[in-house]
Each structure stands twice: as structure tokens, then as C-alpha cells.
PDB file of N, CA and C in Angstrom:
ATOM      1  N   MET A   1       0.824  -1.196   0.000  1.00  0.00           N
ATOM      2  CA  MET A   1       0.000   0.000   0.000  1.00  0.00           C
ATOM      3  C   MET A   1       0.865   1.256   0.000  1.00  0.00           C
ATOM      4  N   ARG A   2       1.926   1.233   0.799  1.00  0.00           N
ATOM      5  CA  ARG A   2       2.818   2.385   0.882  1.00  0.00           C
ATOM      6  C   ARG A   2       3.469   2.657  -0.475  1.00  0.00           C
ATOM      7  N   LEU A   3       3.841   1.606  -1.192  1.00  0.00           N
ATOM      8  CA  LEU A   3       4.469   1.738  -2.511  1.00  0.00           C
ATOM      9  C   LEU A   3       3.507   2.400  -3.503  1.00  0.00           C
ATOM     10  N   ILE A   4       2.233   2.030  -3.457  1.00  0.00           N
ATOM     11  CA  ILE A   4       1.230   2.633  -4.345  1.00  0.00           C
ATOM     12  C   ILE A   4       1.080   4.112  -4.048  1.00  0.00           C
ATOM     13  N   LEU A   5       1.048   4.472  -2.767  1.00  0.00           N
ATOM     14  CA  LEU A   5       0.926   5.880  -2.377  1.00  0.00           C
ATOM     15  C   LEU A   5       2.136   6.680  -2.844  1.00  0.00           C
ATOM     16  N   ILE A   6       3.315   6.133  -2.673  1.00  0.00           N
ATOM     17  CA  ILE A   6       4.531   6.821  -3.123  1.00  0.00           C
ATOM     18  C   ILE A   6       4.511   7.003  -4.635  1.00  0.00           C
ATOM     19  N   ALA A   7       4.119   5.966  -5.367  1.00  0.00           N
ATOM     20  CA  ALA A   7       4.052   6.066  -6.825  1.00  0.00           C
ATOM     21  C   ALA A   7       3.033   7.105  -7.253  1.00  0.00           C
ATOM     22  N   ALA A   8       1.897   7.135  -6.602  1.00  0.00           N
ATOM     23  CA  ALA A   8       0.857   8.121  -6.948  1.00  0.00           C
ATOM     24  C   ALA A   8       1.331   9.534  -6.686  1.00  0.00           C
ATOM     25  N   LEU A   9       1.974   9.748  -5.547  1.00  0.00           N
ATOM     26  CA  LEU A   9       2.467  11.093  -5.230  1.00  0.00           C
ATOM     27  C   LEU A   9       3.609  11.513  -6.143  1.00  0.00           C
ATOM     28  N   THR A  10       4.402  10.560  -6.587  1.00  0.00           N
ATOM     29  CA  THR A  10       5.496  10.856  -7.508  1.00  0.00           C
ATOM     30  C   THR A  10       4.963  11.259  -8.873  1.00  0.00           C
ATOM     31  N   LEU A  11       3.894  10.614  -9.324  1.00  0.00           N
ATOM     32  CA  LEU A  11       3.340  10.887 -10.644  1.00  0.00           C
ATOM     33  C   LEU A  11       2.414  12.099 -10.664  1.00  0.00           C
ATOM     34  N   LEU A  12       1.990  12.578  -9.520  1.00  0.00           N
ATOM     35  CA  LEU A  12       1.066  13.707  -9.460  1.00  0.00           C
ATOM     36  C   LEU A  12       1.567  14.929 -10.210  1.00  0.00           C
ATOM     37  N   PRO A  13       2.800  15.381 -10.028  1.00  0.00           N
ATOM     38  CA  PRO A  13       3.253  16.549 -10.797  1.00  0.00           C
ATOM     39  C   PRO A  13       3.261  16.307 -12.304  1.00  0.00           C
ATOM     40  N   VAL A  14       3.583  15.108 -12.751  1.00  0.00           N
ATOM     41  CA  VAL A  14       3.584  14.794 -14.180  1.00  0.00           C
ATOM     42  C   VAL A  14       2.172  14.925 -14.734  1.00  0.00           C
ATOM     43  N   THR A  15       1.196  14.437 -14.010  1.00  0.00           N
ATOM     44  CA  THR A  15      -0.186  14.519 -14.444  1.00  0.00           C
ATOM     45  C   THR A  15      -0.645  15.965 -14.512  1.00  0.00           C
ATOM     46  N   ALA A  16      -0.286  16.750 -13.540  1.00  0.00           N
ATOM     47  CA  ALA A  16      -0.696  18.156 -13.523  1.00  0.00           C
ATOM     48  C   ALA A  16      -0.094  18.917 -14.692  1.00  0.00           C
ATOM     49  N   VAL A  17       1.151  18.625 -15.027  1.00  0.00           N
ATOM     50  CA  VAL A  17       1.812  19.304 -16.134  1.00  0.00           C
ATOM     51  C   VAL A  17       1.209  18.875 -17.465  1.00  0.00           C
ATOM     52  N   ALA A  18       0.772  17.626 -17.572  1.00  0.00           N
ATOM     53  CA  ALA A  18       0.263  17.099 -18.830  1.00  0.00           C
ATOM     54  C   ALA A  18      -1.045  17.767 -19.250  1.00  0.00           C
ATOM     55  N   GLU A  19      -1.701  18.438 -18.352  1.00  0.00           N
ATOM     56  CA  GLU A  19      -2.972  19.067 -18.675  1.00  0.00           C
ATOM     57  C   GLU A  19      -2.783  20.558 -18.958  1.00  0.00           C
ATOM     58  N   ASN A  20      -2.007  20.869 -19.955  1.00  0.00           N
ATOM     59  CA  ASN A  20      -1.763  22.248 -20.351  1.00  0.00           C
ATOM     60  C   ASN A  20      -3.052  22.805 -20.962  1.00  0.00           C
ATOM     61  N   PRO A  21      -3.583  23.889 -20.437  1.00  0.00           N
ATOM     62  CA  PRO A  21      -4.883  24.387 -20.898  1.00  0.00           C
ATOM     63  C   PRO A  21      -4.906  24.921 -22.327  1.00  0.00           C
ATOM     64  N   ILE A  22      -3.762  25.185 -22.910  1.00  0.00           N
ATOM     65  CA  ILE A  22      -3.781  25.685 -24.291  1.00  0.00           C
ATOM     66  C   ILE A  22      -3.781  24.567 -25.330  1.00  0.00           C
ATOM     67  N   CYS A  23      -3.487  23.353 -24.904  1.00  0.00           N
ATOM     68  CA  CYS A  23      -3.328  22.257 -25.859  1.00  0.00           C
ATOM     69  C   CYS A  23      -4.633  21.877 -26.561  1.00  0.00           C
ATOM     70  N   ALA A  24      -5.706  21.753 -25.831  1.00  0.00           N
ATOM     71  CA  ALA A  24      -6.970  21.343 -26.454  1.00  0.00           C
ATOM     72  C   ALA A  24      -7.495  22.394 -27.437  1.00  0.00           C
ATOM     73  N   PRO A  25      -7.554  23.682 -27.064  1.00  0.00           N
ATOM     74  CA  PRO A  25      -8.065  24.667 -28.027  1.00  0.00           C
ATOM     75  C   PRO A  25      -7.174  24.822 -29.269  1.00  0.00           C
ATOM     76  N   THR A  26      -5.868  24.802 -29.072  1.00  0.00           N
ATOM     77  CA  THR A  26      -4.997  24.930 -30.244  1.00  0.00           C
ATOM     78  C   THR A  26      -5.004  23.640 -31.050  1.00  0.00           C
ATOM     79  N   GLY A  27      -5.190  22.507 -30.388  1.00  0.00           N
ATOM     80  CA  GLY A  27      -5.337  21.245 -31.104  1.00  0.00           C
ATOM     81  C   GLY A  27      -6.592  21.237 -31.963  1.00  0.00           C
ATOM     82  N   GLU A  28      -7.635  21.884 -31.482  1.00  0.00           N
ATOM     83  CA  GLU A  28      -8.867  22.015 -32.272  1.00  0.00           C
ATOM     84  C   GLU A  28      -8.608  22.861 -33.525  1.00  0.00           C
ATOM     85  N   ILE A  29      -7.826  23.911 -33.387  1.00  0.00           N
ATOM     86  CA  ILE A  29      -7.458  24.736 -34.544  1.00  0.00           C
ATOM     87  C   ILE A  29      -6.701  23.880 -35.561  1.00  0.00           C
ATOM     88  N   VAL A  30      -5.746  23.100 -35.083  1.00  0.00           N
ATOM     89  CA  VAL A  30      -4.977  22.223 -35.965  1.00  0.00           C
ATOM     90  C   VAL A  30      -5.908  21.230 -36.661  1.00  0.00           C
ATOM     91  N   GLY A  31      -6.809  20.643 -35.911  1.00  0.00           N
ATOM     92  CA  GLY A  31      -7.747  19.680 -36.491  1.00  0.00           C
ATOM     93  C   GLY A  31      -8.621  20.297 -37.571  1.00  0.00           C
ATOM     94  N   ARG A  32      -9.107  21.499 -37.321  1.00  0.00           N
ATOM     95  CA  ARG A  32      -9.929  22.178 -38.326  1.00  0.00           C
ATOM     96  C   ARG A  32      -9.108  22.525 -39.559  1.00  0.00           C
ATOM     97  N   ALA A  33      -7.853  22.920 -39.359  1.00  0.00           N
ATOM     98  CA  ALA A  33      -6.981  23.247 -40.493  1.00  0.00           C
ATOM     99  C   ALA A  33      -6.702  21.998 -41.334  1.00  0.00           C
ATOM    100  N   VAL A  34      -6.494  20.869 -40.675  1.00  0.00           N
ATOM    101  CA  VAL A  34      -6.263  19.612 -41.390  1.00  0.00           C
ATOM    102  C   VAL A  34      -7.486  19.269 -42.237  1.00  0.00           C
ATOM    103  N   GLU A  35      -8.677  19.355 -41.644  1.00  0.00           N
ATOM    104  CA  GLU A  35      -9.898  19.038 -42.380  1.00  0.00           C
ATOM    105  C   GLU A  35     -10.095  19.993 -43.558  1.00  0.00           C
ATOM    106  N   ALA A  36      -9.811  21.273 -43.354  1.00  0.00           N
ATOM    107  CA  ALA A  36      -9.959  22.247 -44.434  1.00  0.00           C
ATOM    108  C   ALA A  36      -8.983  21.943 -45.572  1.00  0.00           C
ATOM    109  N   ARG A  37      -7.752  21.619 -45.224  1.00  0.00           N
ATOM    110  CA  ARG A  37      -6.765  21.290 -46.254  1.00  0.00           C
ATOM    111  C   ARG A  37      -7.186  20.051 -47.026  1.00  0.00           C
ATOM    112  N   LYS A  38      -7.660  19.030 -46.315  1.00  0.00           N
ATOM    113  CA  LYS A  38      -8.102  17.807 -46.983  1.00  0.00           C
ATOM    114  C   LYS A  38      -9.320  18.060 -47.870  1.00  0.00           C
ATOM    115  N   SER A  39     -10.107  19.084 -47.532  1.00  0.00           N
ATOM    116  CA  SER A  39     -11.292  19.432 -48.327  1.00  0.00           C
ATOM    117  C   SER A  39     -10.957  20.303 -49.527  1.00  0.00           C
ATOM    118  N   GLY A  40      -9.686  20.705 -49.631  1.00  0.00           N
ATOM    119  CA  GLY A  40      -9.268  21.499 -50.775  1.00  0.00           C
ATOM    120  C   GLY A  40      -9.293  23.005 -50.569  1.00  0.00           C
ATOM    121  N   GLU A  41      -9.595  23.452 -49.355  1.00  0.00           N
ATOM    122  CA  GLU A  41      -9.583  24.891 -49.101  1.00  0.00           C
ATOM    123  C   GLU A  41      -8.140  25.375 -49.064  1.00  0.00           C
ATOM    124  N   ASP A  42      -7.927  26.639 -49.459  1.00  0.00           N
ATOM    125  CA  ASP A  42      -6.580  27.176 -49.382  1.00  0.00           C
ATOM    126  C   ASP A  42      -6.340  27.779 -48.005  1.00  0.00           C
ATOM    127  N   ALA A  43      -5.062  28.025 -47.684  1.00  0.00           N
ATOM    128  CA  ALA A  43      -4.687  28.488 -46.353  1.00  0.00           C
ATOM    129  C   ALA A  43      -5.346  29.816 -45.966  1.00  0.00           C
ATOM    130  N   PRO A  44      -5.326  30.856 -46.833  1.00  0.00           N
ATOM    131  CA  PRO A  44      -5.961  32.118 -46.429  1.00  0.00           C
ATOM    132  C   PRO A  44      -7.451  31.973 -46.111  1.00  0.00           C
ATOM    133  N   GLU A  45      -8.147  31.162 -46.908  1.00  0.00           N
ATOM    134  CA  GLU A  45      -9.574  30.923 -46.660  1.00  0.00           C
ATOM    135  C   GLU A  45      -9.769  30.205 -45.319  1.00  0.00           C
ATOM    136  N   THR A  46      -8.894  29.271 -45.020  1.00  0.00           N
ATOM    137  CA  THR A  46      -8.962  28.525 -43.771  1.00  0.00           C
ATOM    138  C   THR A  46      -8.688  29.434 -42.578  1.00  0.00           C
ATOM    139  N   ILE A  47      -7.689  30.280 -42.698  1.00  0.00           N
ATOM    140  CA  ILE A  47      -7.368  31.230 -41.626  1.00  0.00           C
ATOM    141  C   ILE A  47      -8.560  32.122 -41.340  1.00  0.00           C
ATOM    142  N   THR A  48      -9.175  32.635 -42.393  1.00  0.00           N
ATOM    143  CA  THR A  48     -10.337  33.518 -42.230  1.00  0.00           C
ATOM    144  C   THR A  48     -11.494  32.786 -41.557  1.00  0.00           C
ATOM    145  N   ALA A  49     -11.776  31.579 -42.000  1.00  0.00           N
ATOM    146  CA  ALA A  49     -12.905  30.817 -41.454  1.00  0.00           C
ATOM    147  C   ALA A  49     -12.691  30.465 -39.985  1.00  0.00           C
ATOM    148  N   ILE A  50     -11.520  29.976 -39.649  1.00  0.00           N
ATOM    149  CA  ILE A  50     -11.252  29.591 -38.267  1.00  0.00           C
ATOM    150  C   ILE A  50     -11.196  30.825 -37.373  1.00  0.00           C
ATOM    151  N   SER A  51     -10.555  31.889 -37.838  1.00  0.00           N
ATOM    152  CA  SER A  51     -10.468  33.126 -37.049  1.00  0.00           C
ATOM    153  C   SER A  51     -11.843  33.694 -36.735  1.00  0.00           C
ATOM    154  N   ALA A  52     -12.763  33.570 -37.672  1.00  0.00           N
ATOM    155  CA  ALA A  52     -14.117  34.093 -37.467  1.00  0.00           C
ATOM    156  C   ALA A  52     -14.836  33.374 -36.334  1.00  0.00           C
ATOM    157  N   ASP A  53     -14.453  32.141 -36.066  1.00  0.00           N
ATOM    158  CA  ASP A  53     -15.085  31.361 -35.000  1.00  0.00           C
ATOM    159  C   ASP A  53     -14.415  31.547 -33.635  1.00  0.00           C
ATOM    160  N   MET A  54     -13.359  32.316 -33.587  1.00  0.00           N
ATOM    161  CA  MET A  54     -12.643  32.518 -32.330  1.00  0.00           C
ATOM    162  C   MET A  54     -13.311  33.654 -31.536  1.00  0.00           C
ATOM    163  N   VAL A  55     -14.406  33.321 -30.878  1.00  0.00           N
ATOM    164  CA  VAL A  55     -15.173  34.291 -30.089  1.00  0.00           C
ATOM    165  C   VAL A  55     -15.286  33.786 -28.656  1.00  0.00           C
ATOM    166  N   GLY A  56     -15.682  34.653 -27.773  1.00  0.00           N
ATOM    167  CA  GLY A  56     -15.829  34.284 -26.369  1.00  0.00           C
ATOM    168  C   GLY A  56     -14.501  33.856 -25.774  1.00  0.00           C
ATOM    169  N   ASP A  57     -14.518  32.725 -25.083  1.00  0.00           N
ATOM    170  CA  ASP A  57     -13.299  32.212 -24.450  1.00  0.00           C
ATOM    171  C   ASP A  57     -12.221  31.859 -25.473  1.00  0.00           C
ATOM    172  N   LEU A  58     -12.634  31.543 -26.690  1.00  0.00           N
ATOM    173  CA  LEU A  58     -11.670  31.168 -27.730  1.00  0.00           C
ATOM    174  C   LEU A  58     -10.966  32.369 -28.354  1.00  0.00           C
ATOM    175  N   ALA A  59     -11.455  33.570 -28.116  1.00  0.00           N
ATOM    176  CA  ALA A  59     -10.851  34.770 -28.718  1.00  0.00           C
ATOM    177  C   ALA A  59      -9.381  34.909 -28.356  1.00  0.00           C
ATOM    178  N   ALA A  60      -8.994  34.429 -27.209  1.00  0.00           N
ATOM    179  CA  ALA A  60      -7.590  34.513 -26.790  1.00  0.00           C
ATOM    180  C   ALA A  60      -6.671  33.682 -27.687  1.00  0.00           C
ATOM    181  N   TYR A  61      -7.237  32.717 -28.390  1.00  0.00           N
ATOM    182  CA  TYR A  61      -6.433  31.832 -29.244  1.00  0.00           C
ATOM    183  C   TYR A  61      -6.395  32.288 -30.703  1.00  0.00           C
ATOM    184  N   GLU A  62      -7.081  33.348 -31.040  1.00  0.00           N
ATOM    185  CA  GLU A  62      -7.118  33.837 -32.425  1.00  0.00           C
ATOM    186  C   GLU A  62      -5.719  34.143 -32.971  1.00  0.00           C
ATOM    187  N   PRO A  63      -4.798  34.724 -32.187  1.00  0.00           N
ATOM    188  CA  PRO A  63      -3.455  34.964 -32.736  1.00  0.00           C
ATOM    189  C   PRO A  63      -2.711  33.684 -33.122  1.00  0.00           C
ATOM    190  N   ALA A  64      -3.122  32.545 -32.610  1.00  0.00           N
ATOM    191  CA  ALA A  64      -2.461  31.286 -32.940  1.00  0.00           C
ATOM    192  C   ALA A  64      -2.970  30.679 -34.242  1.00  0.00           C
ATOM    193  N   VAL A  65      -4.072  31.191 -34.757  1.00  0.00           N
ATOM    194  CA  VAL A  65      -4.687  30.575 -35.937  1.00  0.00           C
ATOM    195  C   VAL A  65      -3.745  30.600 -37.134  1.00  0.00           C
ATOM    196  N   GLN A  66      -3.246  31.761 -37.510  1.00  0.00           N
ATOM    197  CA  GLN A  66      -2.417  31.835 -38.723  1.00  0.00           C
ATOM    198  C   GLN A  66      -1.172  30.965 -38.637  1.00  0.00           C
ATOM    199  N   PRO A  67      -0.367  31.034 -37.557  1.00  0.00           N
ATOM    200  CA  PRO A  67       0.819  30.166 -37.555  1.00  0.00           C
ATOM    201  C   PRO A  67       0.484  28.679 -37.550  1.00  0.00           C
ATOM    202  N   LEU A  68      -0.595  28.296 -36.870  1.00  0.00           N
ATOM    203  CA  LEU A  68      -0.963  26.879 -36.862  1.00  0.00           C
ATOM    204  C   LEU A  68      -1.465  26.420 -38.228  1.00  0.00           C
ATOM    205  N   VAL A  69      -2.266  27.239 -38.875  1.00  0.00           N
ATOM    206  CA  VAL A  69      -2.740  26.896 -40.223  1.00  0.00           C
ATOM    207  C   VAL A  69      -1.563  26.840 -41.196  1.00  0.00           C
ATOM    208  N   ASP A  70      -0.689  27.832 -41.110  1.00  0.00           N
ATOM    209  CA  ASP A  70       0.497  27.825 -41.980  1.00  0.00           C
ATOM    210  C   ASP A  70       1.316  26.557 -41.773  1.00  0.00           C
ATOM    211  N   TRP A  71       1.452  26.122 -40.525  1.00  0.00           N
ATOM    212  CA  TRP A  71       2.201  24.906 -40.224  1.00  0.00           C
ATOM    213  C   TRP A  71       1.514  23.690 -40.857  1.00  0.00           C
ATOM    214  N   VAL A  72       0.196  23.586 -40.689  1.00  0.00           N
ATOM    215  CA  VAL A  72      -0.542  22.456 -41.269  1.00  0.00           C
ATOM    216  C   VAL A  72      -0.362  22.423 -42.781  1.00  0.00           C
ATOM    217  N   TYR A  73      -0.435  23.575 -43.432  1.00  0.00           N
ATOM    218  CA  TYR A  73      -0.307  23.623 -44.891  1.00  0.00           C
ATOM    219  C   TYR A  73       1.132  23.386 -45.362  1.00  0.00           C
ATOM    220  N   SER A  74       2.090  23.416 -44.436  1.00  0.00           N
ATOM    221  CA  SER A  74       3.480  23.137 -44.808  1.00  0.00           C
ATOM    222  C   SER A  74       3.815  21.651 -44.699  1.00  0.00           C
ATOM    223  N   LEU A  75       2.916  20.863 -44.108  1.00  0.00           N
ATOM    224  CA  LEU A  75       3.168  19.431 -43.933  1.00  0.00           C
ATOM    225  C   LEU A  75       3.123  18.694 -45.273  1.00  0.00           C
ATOM    226  N   THR A  76       3.854  17.604 -45.334  1.00  0.00           N
ATOM    227  CA  THR A  76       3.840  16.775 -46.536  1.00  0.00           C
ATOM    228  C   THR A  76       2.547  15.964 -46.588  1.00  0.00           C
ATOM    229  N   GLU A  77       2.260  15.414 -47.743  1.00  0.00           N
ATOM    230  CA  GLU A  77       1.074  14.563 -47.879  1.00  0.00           C
ATOM    231  C   GLU A  77       1.188  13.338 -46.966  1.00  0.00           C
ATOM    232  N   ALA A  78       2.395  12.812 -46.807  1.00  0.00           N
ATOM    233  CA  ALA A  78       2.599  11.661 -45.917  1.00  0.00           C
ATOM    234  C   ALA A  78       2.251  12.026 -44.476  1.00  0.00           C
ATOM    235  N   ASP A  79       2.643  13.233 -44.063  1.00  0.00           N
ATOM    236  CA  ASP A  79       2.307  13.692 -42.712  1.00  0.00           C
ATOM    237  C   ASP A  79       0.793  13.819 -42.534  1.00  0.00           C
ATOM    238  N   MET A  80       0.119  14.216 -43.597  1.00  0.00           N
ATOM    239  CA  MET A  80      -1.325  14.425 -43.520  1.00  0.00           C
ATOM    240  C   MET A  80      -2.085  13.109 -43.352  1.00  0.00           C
ATOM    241  N   ALA A  81      -1.443  11.992 -43.654  1.00  0.00           N
ATOM    242  CA  ALA A  81      -2.082  10.694 -43.483  1.00  0.00           C
ATOM    243  C   ALA A  81      -2.122  10.290 -42.007  1.00  0.00           C
ATOM    244  N   GLU A  82      -1.335  10.956 -41.189  1.00  0.00           N
ATOM    245  CA  GLU A  82      -1.274  10.666 -39.754  1.00  0.00           C
ATOM    246  C   GLU A  82      -2.338  11.464 -39.002  1.00  0.00           C
ATOM    247  N   ASP A  83      -2.460  11.217 -37.706  1.00  0.00           N
ATOM    248  CA  ASP A  83      -3.360  11.986 -36.834  1.00  0.00           C
ATOM    249  C   ASP A  83      -2.622  13.249 -36.409  1.00  0.00           C
ATOM    250  N   VAL A  84      -2.652  14.261 -37.259  1.00  0.00           N
ATOM    251  CA  VAL A  84      -1.891  15.488 -37.036  1.00  0.00           C
ATOM    252  C   VAL A  84      -2.349  16.182 -35.754  1.00  0.00           C
ATOM    253  N   ALA A  85      -3.644  16.367 -35.594  1.00  0.00           N
ATOM    254  CA  ALA A  85      -4.153  17.072 -34.412  1.00  0.00           C
ATOM    255  C   ALA A  85      -3.843  16.294 -33.136  1.00  0.00           C
ATOM    256  N   GLY A  86      -4.034  14.988 -33.171  1.00  0.00           N
ATOM    257  CA  GLY A  86      -3.742  14.165 -32.001  1.00  0.00           C
ATOM    258  C   GLY A  86      -2.271  14.214 -31.622  1.00  0.00           C
ATOM    259  N   SER A  87      -1.405  14.153 -32.630  1.00  0.00           N
ATOM    260  CA  SER A  87       0.034  14.236 -32.381  1.00  0.00           C
ATOM    261  C   SER A  87       0.415  15.601 -31.837  1.00  0.00           C
ATOM    262  N   TYR A  88      -0.211  16.642 -32.372  1.00  0.00           N
ATOM    263  CA  TYR A  88       0.051  17.998 -31.900  1.00  0.00           C
ATOM    264  C   TYR A  88      -0.301  18.118 -30.413  1.00  0.00           C
ATOM    265  N   VAL A  89      -1.500  17.660 -30.044  1.00  0.00           N
ATOM    266  CA  VAL A  89      -1.938  17.765 -28.659  1.00  0.00           C
ATOM    267  C   VAL A  89      -1.021  16.953 -27.740  1.00  0.00           C
ATOM    268  N   ALA A  90      -0.642  15.773 -28.163  1.00  0.00           N
ATOM    269  CA  ALA A  90       0.253  14.928 -27.361  1.00  0.00           C
ATOM    270  C   ALA A  90       1.588  15.621 -27.127  1.00  0.00           C
ATOM    271  N   GLN A  91       2.153  16.210 -28.172  1.00  0.00           N
ATOM    272  CA  GLN A  91       3.413  16.927 -28.039  1.00  0.00           C
ATOM    273  C   GLN A  91       3.245  18.170 -27.161  1.00  0.00           C
ATOM    274  N   CYS A  92       2.141  18.866 -27.314  1.00  0.00           N
ATOM    275  CA  CYS A  92       1.878  20.062 -26.504  1.00  0.00           C
ATOM    276  C   CYS A  92       1.809  19.692 -25.032  1.00  0.00           C
ATOM    277  N   GLU A  93       1.078  18.632 -24.725  1.00  0.00           N
ATOM    278  CA  GLU A  93       0.927  18.228 -23.326  1.00  0.00           C
ATOM    279  C   GLU A  93       2.203  17.644 -22.743  1.00  0.00           C
ATOM    280  N   ALA A  94       3.095  17.173 -23.591  1.00  0.00           N
ATOM    281  CA  ALA A  94       4.362  16.610 -23.113  1.00  0.00           C
ATOM    282  C   ALA A  94       5.358  17.689 -22.698  1.00  0.00           C
ATOM    283  N   GLN A  95       5.097  18.910 -23.073  1.00  0.00           N
ATOM    284  CA  GLN A  95       6.037  19.994 -22.743  1.00  0.00           C
ATOM    285  C   GLN A  95       5.795  20.543 -21.370  1.00  0.00           C
TER     286      GLN A  95
END
């Protein structure tokens, strides 16, 4: 029992760090950019569409739209076959 408690207390800071509050909203931006690119939309049109939806609590993330969309549109076709948004969120939470 003592070993389980020690392990839980040791992992607590890792768990707290893994829940970075910016990862989910910016991951959603990445996901929308991926879907727009796969649908044939161009980057400027995608930036405009996603930026228009950044209202309320999401307004704070509007400055991230253009660089994230630009990044998605710079990926290779092979990269686009992967779970880009999921990988982005995983990497974000790992930092």
C-alpha cells in the first residue's frame, strides 16, 4: 500500500503538467486546419474561417490561428495521413 501511495504522489506533478490548458483549443485549430486542407480549401480561406469562429473564451487563441494553419499547410502529404491534431496535442501536453 505504501508503494502505491509513493508512486501516486510521484506521478502527481507529471499529471498536472500534462494538462496544459492551451493544448486542447490549439489542437482544435490544428484539427480544423487539417480538415480544411483535406477538403481542398486554401490556407488564407482557412485562416479567415477559423479566425471568425474565435469568439468568447476562444478569442484569446485567435493569434495562434495563422501560424498553426500555416504549419498544417506546410506538412507533406505523408504527414497528412497521420493523426496530425492528435500528435500535436500529445506533443503540446508533453512539454
